[in-house]
Protein backbone atom coordinates (compact mmCIF):
# COMPACT_ATOMS: atom_id res chain seq x y z
CA UNK A 1 118.04 96.55 69.86
CA UNK A 2 117.82 100.23 69.18
CA UNK A 3 118.13 102.84 71.93
CA UNK A 4 114.43 103.57 71.92
CA UNK A 5 113.60 99.84 72.19
CA UNK A 6 116.02 99.53 75.12
CA UNK A 7 114.41 102.55 76.77
CA UNK A 8 110.93 101.32 76.40
CA UNK A 9 111.82 97.80 77.63
CA UNK A 10 113.64 99.33 80.62
CA UNK A 11 110.53 101.43 81.57
CA UNK A 12 108.34 98.27 81.29
CA UNK A 13 110.68 96.35 83.65
CA UNK A 14 110.97 99.24 86.07
CA UNK A 15 107.14 99.63 86.15
CA UNK A 16 106.68 95.97 86.84
CA UNK A 17 109.32 96.12 89.64
CA UNK A 18 107.61 99.07 91.24
CA UNK A 19 104.13 97.41 91.15
CA UNK A 20 105.63 94.16 92.61
CA UNK A 21 107.25 96.37 95.36
CA UNK A 22 104.03 97.84 96.51
CA UNK A 23 103.87 101.11 94.53
CA UNK A 24 100.83 102.41 92.69
CA UNK A 25 101.57 103.67 89.18
CA UNK A 26 99.87 107.04 88.71
CA UNK A 27 101.22 107.99 85.30
CA UNK A 28 103.85 107.08 82.80
CA UNK A 29 105.62 109.26 80.40
CA UNK A 30 104.32 112.55 81.89
CA UNK A 31 105.18 115.41 79.47
CA UNK A 32 105.46 119.07 80.07
CA UNK A 33 107.09 122.00 78.39
CA UNK A 34 110.06 121.33 80.71
CA UNK A 35 110.50 117.67 79.77
CA UNK A 36 109.29 114.17 80.61
CA UNK A 37 109.10 112.04 83.80
CA UNK A 38 109.20 108.35 82.99
CA UNK A 39 107.04 107.12 85.92
CA UNK A 40 104.98 108.84 88.61
CA UNK A 41 104.03 106.54 91.45
CA UNK A 42 102.82 106.44 95.04
CA UNK A 43 105.02 104.68 97.44
CA UNK A 44 102.39 102.91 99.73
CA UNK A 45 104.91 102.11 102.48
CA UNK A 46 106.39 105.63 102.91
CA UNK A 47 103.24 107.39 101.53
CA UNK A 48 105.43 109.47 99.27
CA UNK A 49 104.71 110.74 95.69
CA UNK A 50 107.68 109.40 93.68
CA UNK A 51 108.98 110.71 90.41
CA UNK A 52 111.06 108.04 88.78
CA UNK A 53 113.65 108.53 86.07
CA UNK A 54 114.55 105.21 84.30
CA UNK A 55 117.89 104.76 82.64
CA UNK A 56 118.53 101.54 80.65
CA UNK A 57 121.75 100.21 79.17
CA UNK A 58 123.09 97.00 77.70
CA UNK A 59 126.59 97.54 79.03
CA UNK A 60 128.81 100.09 80.93
CA UNK A 61 130.90 101.12 78.02
CA UNK A 62 129.64 104.79 78.37
CA UNK A 63 129.28 104.67 82.11
CA UNK A 64 126.67 103.71 84.55
CA UNK A 65 123.03 104.70 83.69
CA UNK A 66 122.84 106.95 86.78
CA UNK A 67 125.75 109.11 85.23
CA UNK A 68 123.27 110.09 82.39
CA UNK A 69 121.32 112.09 85.06
CA UNK A 70 123.20 115.28 85.29
CA UNK A 71 122.26 118.67 86.91
CA UNK A 72 120.57 119.87 83.66
CA UNK A 73 118.39 116.70 83.70
CA UNK A 74 117.61 116.92 87.34
CA UNK A 75 116.48 120.50 86.86
CA UNK A 76 114.13 119.47 84.10
CA UNK A 77 112.74 116.64 86.33
CA UNK A 78 112.13 119.13 89.12
CA UNK A 79 110.28 121.60 86.98
CA UNK A 80 108.28 118.96 85.41
CA UNK A 81 107.43 117.45 88.83
CA UNK A 82 106.45 120.85 90.18
CA UNK A 83 104.08 121.37 87.31
CA UNK A 84 102.42 117.98 87.99
CA UNK A 85 102.13 118.73 91.66
CA UNK A 86 100.57 122.10 90.94
CA UNK A 87 98.16 120.90 88.25
CA UNK A 88 97.03 117.96 90.44
CA UNK A 89 96.84 119.95 93.69
CA UNK A 90 99.36 117.71 95.47
CA UNK A 91 101.25 120.42 97.26
CA UNK A 92 100.77 118.73 100.67
CA UNK A 93 102.30 115.46 99.48
CA UNK A 94 105.71 114.28 100.49
CA UNK A 95 107.66 113.76 97.31
CA UNK A 96 110.87 111.96 96.33
CA UNK A 97 112.82 111.68 93.12
CA UNK A 98 114.30 108.24 92.39
CA UNK A 99 116.31 106.62 89.64
CA UNK A 100 116.06 103.11 88.38
CA UNK A 101 118.94 101.71 86.43
CA UNK A 102 118.03 98.70 84.25
CA UNK A 103 120.67 96.61 82.62
CA UNK A 104 119.30 94.71 79.64
CA UNK A 105 121.62 91.89 78.44
CA UNK A 106 121.43 88.17 78.74
CA UNK A 107 120.17 88.66 82.25
CA UNK A 108 118.16 91.61 83.42
CA UNK A 109 119.55 93.51 86.37
CA UNK A 110 117.75 96.40 88.11
CA UNK A 111 119.12 98.92 90.61
CA UNK A 112 116.66 101.32 92.36
CA UNK A 113 118.28 104.41 93.75
CA UNK A 114 115.87 106.24 96.13
CA UNK A 115 115.99 109.98 96.72
CA UNK A 116 118.63 110.98 94.24
CA UNK A 117 117.95 114.59 95.07
């Protein structure tokens, strides 16, 4: 599979996982001039607005997926999240930024990391 296909499949798997875990998906692939947020969801249990970065890999040869989320990427996620919050008048919401690692190989493995920042 190509990187784009792996990424798209990883986002599909992460979305299904979140729905099955009681989240409501508000938007996928939200774009701003600062960057993109893969999934925006509402965590019904914690009542938090959650911005999710999905990283997918077929192996760990180049490190764990979470390692691809550096400070520059986090800065883009924060700026994009702030724009989404402002445009949708969600300033009073509790927010969280999560990461979901998806390993796509013979067996699918998912790791949800809450509050990466």
